[in-house]
Amino acid sequence: MKAILEFNLPEDKENFDLANNGLNYYSALFEFDQWLRSEYKYNNKEEMYEVRRKLNKIINENNITI
């Protein structure tokens, strides 16, 4: 199966950039989630637990899997 995305550039440049940078957005979310986890688990920063919980709630509400 193939999927082809087409954009009319330059009019659709913003949408093209969003689609083209999806892996970067995913990587940033994943890295931030892991940093929050480490701060909570290894550095005893209890407040990071709630921040991570909120981040994961937002991620889930937007149907994103990390």
C-alpha atoms as a PDB file:
ATOM      1  CA  MET A   1       0.000   0.000   0.000  1.00  0.00           C
ATOM      2  CA  LYS A   2       1.183   3.512  -0.788  1.00  0.00           C
ATOM      3  CA  ALA A   3       0.067   6.881   0.463  1.00  0.00           C
ATOM      4  CA  ILE A   4       0.861  10.055  -1.413  1.00  0.00           C
ATOM      5  CA  LEU A   5       0.436  13.502   0.063  1.00  0.00           C
ATOM      6  CA  GLU A   6       0.208  16.386  -2.350  1.00  0.00           C
ATOM      7  CA  PHE A   7       0.654  20.036  -1.542  1.00  0.00           C
ATOM      8  CA  ASN A   8       0.257  23.114  -3.696  1.00  0.00           C
ATOM      9  CA  LEU A   9       3.369  25.061  -2.856  1.00  0.00           C
ATOM     10  CA  PRO A  10       3.873  27.797  -1.855  1.00  0.00           C
ATOM     11  CA  GLU A  11       0.208  28.153  -0.754  1.00  0.00           C
ATOM     12  CA  ASP A  12       0.292  24.982   1.366  1.00  0.00           C
ATOM     13  CA  LYS A  13       3.805  25.443   2.741  1.00  0.00           C
ATOM     14  CA  GLU A  14       2.619  25.492   6.370  1.00  0.00           C
ATOM     15  CA  ASN A  15       0.758  22.188   5.976  1.00  0.00           C
ATOM     16  CA  PHE A  16       3.701  20.726   4.058  1.00  0.00           C
ATOM     17  CA  ASP A  17       6.087  21.697   6.860  1.00  0.00           C
ATOM     18  CA  LEU A  18       3.791  20.127   9.482  1.00  0.00           C
ATOM     19  CA  ALA A  19       3.586  16.862   7.541  1.00  0.00           C
ATOM     20  CA  ASN A  20       7.273  16.863   6.690  1.00  0.00           C
ATOM     21  CA  ASN A  21       8.384  17.440  10.293  1.00  0.00           C
ATOM     22  CA  GLY A  22       6.149  14.828  11.924  1.00  0.00           C
ATOM     23  CA  LEU A  23       9.082  12.658  12.991  1.00  0.00           C
ATOM     24  CA  ASN A  24      10.759  15.667  14.626  1.00  0.00           C
ATOM     25  CA  TYR A  25       7.578  16.473  16.580  1.00  0.00           C
ATOM     26  CA  TYR A  26       7.278  12.847  17.668  1.00  0.00           C
ATOM     27  CA  SER A  27      10.915  12.737  18.760  1.00  0.00           C
ATOM     28  CA  ALA A  28      10.571  15.955  20.770  1.00  0.00           C
ATOM     29  CA  LEU A  29       7.458  14.680  22.580  1.00  0.00           C
ATOM     30  CA  PHE A  30       9.114  11.356  23.319  1.00  0.00           C
ATOM     31  CA  GLU A  31      12.312  12.983  24.597  1.00  0.00           C
ATOM     32  CA  PHE A  32      10.380  15.393  26.822  1.00  0.00           C
ATOM     33  CA  ASP A  33       8.262  12.556  28.225  1.00  0.00           C
ATOM     34  CA  GLN A  34      11.382  10.546  29.035  1.00  0.00           C
ATOM     35  CA  TRP A  35      13.056  13.545  30.658  1.00  0.00           C
ATOM     36  CA  LEU A  36       9.999  14.092  32.871  1.00  0.00           C
ATOM     37  CA  ARG A  37      10.062  10.409  33.805  1.00  0.00           C
ATOM     38  CA  SER A  38      13.741  10.557  34.741  1.00  0.00           C
ATOM     39  CA  GLU A  39      13.327  13.712  36.801  1.00  0.00           C
ATOM     40  CA  TYR A  40      10.512  12.084  38.762  1.00  0.00           C
ATOM     41  CA  LYS A  41      12.018   8.622  39.111  1.00  0.00           C
ATOM     42  CA  TYR A  42      15.702   9.327  39.655  1.00  0.00           C
ATOM     43  CA  ASN A  43      15.830  12.899  40.987  1.00  0.00           C
ATOM     44  CA  ASN A  44      12.805  12.695  43.290  1.00  0.00           C
ATOM     45  CA  LYS A  45      11.115  15.694  41.693  1.00  0.00           C
ATOM     46  CA  GLU A  46       7.528  14.889  42.628  1.00  0.00           C
ATOM     47  CA  GLU A  47       6.078  17.828  40.665  1.00  0.00           C
ATOM     48  CA  MET A  48       7.260  16.232  37.416  1.00  0.00           C
ATOM     49  CA  TYR A  49       4.776  13.402  37.930  1.00  0.00           C
ATOM     50  CA  GLU A  50       1.829  15.763  37.443  1.00  0.00           C
ATOM     51  CA  VAL A  51       3.491  17.483  34.493  1.00  0.00           C
ATOM     52  CA  ARG A  52       4.077  14.122  32.813  1.00  0.00           C
ATOM     53  CA  ARG A  53       0.529  13.047  33.554  1.00  0.00           C
ATOM     54  CA  LYS A  54      -0.809  16.227  31.924  1.00  0.00           C
ATOM     55  CA  LEU A  55       1.473  15.779  28.901  1.00  0.00           C
ATOM     56  CA  ASN A  56       0.256  12.217  28.435  1.00  0.00           C
ATOM     57  CA  LYS A  57      -3.361  13.319  28.778  1.00  0.00           C
ATOM     58  CA  ILE A  58      -2.872  15.886  26.011  1.00  0.00           C
ATOM     59  CA  ILE A  59      -1.063  13.316  23.857  1.00  0.00           C
ATOM     60  CA  ASN A  60      -3.878  10.789  24.309  1.00  0.00           C
ATOM     61  CA  GLU A  61      -6.602  13.369  23.602  1.00  0.00           C
ATOM     62  CA  ASN A  62      -4.916  14.075  20.274  1.00  0.00           C
ATOM     63  CA  ASN A  63      -4.696  10.355  19.380  1.00  0.00           C
ATOM     64  CA  ILE A  64      -0.907  10.322  19.445  1.00  0.00           C
ATOM     65  CA  THR A  65       1.085   7.267  20.494  1.00  0.00           C
ATOM     66  CA  ILE A  66       4.620   7.696  21.733  1.00  0.00           C
END
